Amino acid sequence: MTVITDITTIETPAALEKHIEQLIKIEPRFAPVYSQVGVPDLRRNNGGFEQLMRAMVGQQLSVAAARSIWNKLDTAGLTTPAAIIAADDDLLKANGLSRQKSRYVRSLAEHNIDFTALAEMSDEAVIATLTAVTGIGRWTAEMYLLFSLGRADVLAVDDLAIKEGAKQLLDLDERPTPKQFRELTQSWSPHRSAASLLLWAYYGWLKNKEALPV
């Protein structure tokens, strides 16, 4: 493993605010967004096996359904690599996992990822490590980079809310494709995590604004 020594992370709201200020200098159209939404929540989590397994369990489910299944798995002690490997499909099914999701969480357990080492790997190396697991795509890996590792330059170009926010911000006729989005936002580096967080918050603000009575 090649250790990267110049990794930049965002650990505090004050650090995020500095990234936002630099981002606005590059892309002034973020200034009114920042005025509306303020400093977004960093939404940091501890990462690790449990965080990724929980993301897998929640895929394509409502928040309530995902929480219910996770609570069953947690109560049954089925949230560690050893427990997943030891469990048979019937036990996993009895605790809410479909055959497909059982395959996903088994793949995660069997890959035996060194989660501590991820903190010293480049963004692309982390993505390559995580997407080697069946059931983890680039979007999930980018969410791990952003919210578990706190990386400073992550733009989730496949995220629907971020693309809709960017459409409004950049006054586009339609949501950009991932390729178009990358090309349009290269200049935002190395502050693209700040852009992601602002665009999520902006999308939420736009949705709330639409819901208000006239």
Protein backbone atom coordinates (compact mmCIF):
# COMPACT_ATOMS: atom_id res chain seq x y z
CA MET A 1 0.00 0.00 0.00
CA THR A 2 1.28 3.47 -0.91
CA VAL A 3 0.78 5.91 1.95
CA ILE A 4 -0.32 9.40 0.95
CA THR A 5 1.08 12.12 3.21
CA ASP A 6 -0.72 15.19 1.85
CA ILE A 7 -4.35 14.13 2.41
CA THR A 8 -6.61 17.07 3.21
CA THR A 9 -9.62 16.53 5.44
CA ILE A 10 -12.37 18.73 6.86
CA GLU A 11 -12.74 18.05 10.56
CA THR A 12 -14.63 21.07 11.93
CA PRO A 13 -17.33 23.54 10.85
CA ALA A 14 -14.67 26.27 10.96
CA ALA A 15 -12.53 24.32 8.49
CA LEU A 16 -15.54 23.79 6.24
CA GLU A 17 -16.26 27.52 6.37
CA LYS A 18 -12.74 28.25 5.11
CA HIS A 19 -13.20 25.81 2.23
CA ILE A 20 -16.51 27.48 1.37
CA GLU A 21 -14.86 30.90 1.32
CA GLN A 22 -12.21 29.63 -1.09
CA LEU A 23 -14.86 27.91 -3.20
CA ILE A 24 -16.82 31.15 -3.55
CA LYS A 25 -13.71 32.88 -4.86
CA ILE A 26 -13.56 30.24 -7.60
CA GLU A 27 -17.32 30.03 -8.23
CA PRO A 28 -19.11 33.21 -7.03
CA ARG A 29 -22.53 31.69 -7.73
CA PHE A 30 -22.13 29.81 -4.45
CA ALA A 31 -22.28 33.11 -2.51
CA PRO A 32 -26.10 33.45 -2.50
CA VAL A 33 -26.43 29.73 -1.77
CA TYR A 34 -24.16 30.15 1.24
CA SER A 35 -26.23 33.12 2.35
CA GLN A 36 -29.36 30.96 2.27
CA VAL A 37 -28.10 27.74 3.84
CA GLY A 38 -25.13 28.77 5.99
CA VAL A 39 -22.43 26.28 6.97
CA PRO A 40 -23.83 22.78 6.29
CA ASP A 41 -23.69 19.93 8.78
CA LEU A 42 -20.54 17.84 8.26
CA ARG A 43 -22.60 14.69 8.99
CA ARG A 44 -19.47 12.81 10.09
CA ASN A 45 -19.67 9.19 11.20
CA ASN A 46 -17.12 6.70 12.55
CA GLY A 47 -16.98 4.57 9.41
CA GLY A 48 -15.80 0.98 9.50
CA PHE A 49 -17.52 -2.31 8.72
CA GLU A 50 -20.74 -1.48 10.53
CA GLN A 51 -21.19 1.82 8.67
CA LEU A 52 -20.82 0.18 5.26
CA MET A 53 -23.00 -2.78 6.20
CA ARG A 54 -25.69 -0.39 7.38
CA ALA A 55 -25.49 1.46 4.04
CA MET A 56 -25.95 -1.85 2.21
CA VAL A 57 -28.92 -2.82 4.35
CA GLY A 58 -30.58 0.52 3.65
CA GLN A 59 -30.19 0.50 -0.13
CA GLN A 60 -33.52 1.02 -1.94
CA LEU A 61 -35.48 1.01 1.33
CA SER A 62 -37.31 3.71 3.24
CA VAL A 63 -35.55 5.10 6.29
CA ALA A 64 -38.11 3.40 8.56
CA ALA A 65 -37.75 -0.01 6.87
CA ALA A 66 -33.95 0.18 6.91
CA ARG A 67 -33.94 1.11 10.61
CA SER A 68 -36.30 -1.76 11.44
CA ILE A 69 -34.11 -4.34 9.68
CA TRP A 70 -30.94 -2.94 11.19
CA ASN A 71 -32.43 -3.12 14.68
CA LYS A 72 -33.28 -6.80 14.12
CA LEU A 73 -29.76 -7.55 12.90
CA ASP A 74 -28.23 -5.64 15.81
CA THR A 75 -30.41 -7.44 18.37
CA ALA A 76 -29.42 -10.78 16.81
CA GLY A 77 -25.73 -9.85 16.97
CA LEU A 78 -25.39 -9.94 13.18
CA THR A 79 -23.42 -6.76 12.59
CA THR A 80 -19.81 -7.99 12.66
CA PRO A 81 -17.74 -9.74 9.97
CA ALA A 82 -17.37 -12.90 12.06
CA ALA A 83 -21.12 -13.11 12.74
CA ILE A 84 -22.01 -12.60 9.08
CA ILE A 85 -19.56 -15.26 7.88
CA ALA A 86 -20.84 -17.73 10.49
CA ALA A 87 -24.54 -17.12 9.74
CA ASP A 88 -26.40 -19.17 7.15
CA ASP A 89 -28.77 -17.63 4.59
CA ASP A 90 -31.86 -18.69 6.53
CA LEU A 91 -30.72 -16.81 9.62
CA LEU A 92 -29.95 -13.67 7.64
CA LYS A 93 -33.30 -13.92 5.86
CA ALA A 94 -35.11 -14.36 9.18
CA ASN A 95 -33.56 -11.09 10.29
CA GLY A 96 -34.65 -9.12 7.23
CA LEU A 97 -31.95 -9.56 4.60
CA SER A 98 -32.90 -10.56 1.07
CA ARG A 99 -30.77 -13.10 -0.78
CA GLN A 100 -29.08 -10.27 -2.69
CA LYS A 101 -28.27 -8.25 0.42
CA SER A 102 -27.02 -11.36 2.18
CA ARG A 103 -24.59 -11.78 -0.73
CA TYR A 104 -23.52 -8.15 -0.39
CA VAL A 105 -22.83 -8.23 3.34
CA ARG A 106 -21.00 -11.55 2.99
CA SER A 107 -18.78 -9.99 0.33
CA LEU A 108 -18.03 -7.09 2.67
CA ALA A 109 -17.14 -9.44 5.51
CA GLU A 110 -14.98 -11.67 3.30
CA HIS A 111 -12.94 -8.78 1.92
CA ASN A 112 -11.60 -8.15 5.43
CA ILE A 113 -10.91 -4.46 4.74
CA ASP A 114 -8.35 -2.71 6.94
CA PHE A 115 -10.50 0.34 7.70
CA THR A 116 -7.74 2.06 9.66
CA ALA A 117 -5.47 1.90 6.62
CA LEU A 118 -8.07 3.64 4.45
CA ALA A 119 -7.33 6.90 6.26
CA GLU A 120 -3.83 6.91 4.75
CA MET A 121 -4.84 5.99 1.20
CA SER A 122 -5.62 8.29 -1.72
CA ASP A 123 -9.25 8.94 -2.62
CA GLU A 124 -9.05 6.73 -5.70
CA ALA A 125 -7.32 3.93 -3.78
CA VAL A 126 -10.12 4.02 -1.18
CA ILE A 127 -12.73 3.91 -3.94
CA ALA A 128 -10.96 0.97 -5.61
CA THR A 129 -10.78 -0.92 -2.29
CA LEU A 130 -14.42 -0.39 -1.42
CA THR A 131 -15.90 -0.98 -4.89
CA ALA A 132 -14.13 -4.35 -5.02
CA VAL A 133 -16.89 -5.45 -2.62
CA THR A 134 -20.02 -6.78 -4.32
CA GLY A 135 -22.82 -4.29 -3.71
CA ILE A 136 -20.67 -1.19 -3.21
CA GLY A 137 -20.66 1.27 -6.10
CA ARG A 138 -18.72 4.47 -6.58
CA TRP A 139 -21.44 6.61 -4.96
CA THR A 140 -21.30 4.59 -1.71
CA ALA A 141 -17.50 4.76 -1.74
CA GLU A 142 -17.63 8.53 -2.21
CA MET A 143 -20.07 8.84 0.69
CA TYR A 144 -17.53 6.95 2.81
CA LEU A 145 -14.77 9.32 1.70
CA LEU A 146 -16.86 12.34 2.54
CA PHE A 147 -18.65 11.37 5.74
CA SER A 148 -16.40 8.71 7.30
CA LEU A 149 -12.96 9.94 6.25
CA GLY A 150 -13.76 13.64 5.94
CA ARG A 151 -11.95 14.07 2.63
CA ALA A 152 -11.96 17.64 1.32
CA ASP A 153 -12.27 17.18 -2.44
CA VAL A 154 -15.15 14.80 -3.13
CA LEU A 155 -17.92 15.69 -5.58
CA ALA A 156 -20.59 13.00 -5.83
CA VAL A 157 -21.43 13.45 -9.52
CA ASP A 158 -23.92 10.56 -9.49
CA ASP A 159 -26.01 11.96 -6.64
CA LEU A 160 -29.45 13.09 -7.79
CA ALA A 161 -29.83 15.88 -5.24
CA ILE A 162 -26.38 17.29 -5.97
CA LYS A 163 -27.04 17.21 -9.72
CA GLU A 164 -30.36 18.99 -9.26
CA GLY A 165 -28.72 21.60 -7.05
CA ALA A 166 -25.99 22.10 -9.66
CA LYS A 167 -28.59 22.46 -12.39
CA GLN A 168 -30.13 25.35 -10.50
CA LEU A 169 -26.81 26.86 -9.45
CA LEU A 170 -25.31 26.79 -12.95
CA ASP A 171 -28.59 27.64 -14.70
CA LEU A 172 -28.53 24.48 -16.83
CA ASP A 173 -31.47 23.28 -18.94
CA GLU A 174 -31.22 19.77 -17.48
CA ARG A 175 -29.28 17.84 -14.90
CA PRO A 176 -25.69 17.29 -16.04
CA THR A 177 -24.42 13.82 -16.81
CA PRO A 178 -21.61 12.64 -14.52
CA LYS A 179 -19.08 13.34 -17.31
CA GLN A 180 -20.46 16.82 -17.92
CA PHE A 181 -20.57 17.48 -14.18
CA ARG A 182 -16.91 16.56 -13.73
CA GLU A 183 -15.90 18.78 -16.64
CA LEU A 184 -17.96 21.72 -15.38
CA THR A 185 -16.55 21.54 -11.87
CA GLN A 186 -12.85 20.73 -12.27
CA SER A 187 -12.03 24.28 -11.24
CA TRP A 188 -13.78 23.78 -7.89
CA SER A 189 -10.96 21.48 -6.74
CA PRO A 190 -9.64 21.19 -4.02
CA HIS A 191 -12.86 22.35 -2.38
CA ARG A 192 -15.37 19.99 -3.95
CA SER A 193 -16.54 18.47 -0.66
CA ALA A 194 -17.66 21.93 0.40
CA ALA A 195 -19.49 22.15 -2.94
CA SER A 196 -21.18 18.77 -2.34
CA LEU A 197 -22.35 19.79 1.13
CA LEU A 198 -23.60 23.17 -0.08
CA LEU A 199 -25.44 21.62 -3.02
CA TRP A 200 -27.17 19.08 -0.76
CA ALA A 201 -28.26 21.87 1.55
CA TYR A 202 -29.31 24.01 -1.42
CA TYR A 203 -31.41 21.18 -2.84
CA GLY A 204 -33.15 20.83 0.51
CA TRP A 205 -33.77 24.57 0.66
CA LEU A 206 -35.22 24.54 -2.87
CA LYS A 207 -37.55 21.63 -1.98
CA ASN A 208 -38.74 23.41 1.16
CA LYS A 209 -39.29 26.60 -0.80
CA GLU A 210 -41.42 24.74 -3.35
CA ALA A 211 -43.51 23.23 -0.55
CA LEU A 212 -44.36 26.58 1.03
CA PRO A 213 -47.90 27.88 0.34
CA VAL A 214 -48.11 30.81 -2.04
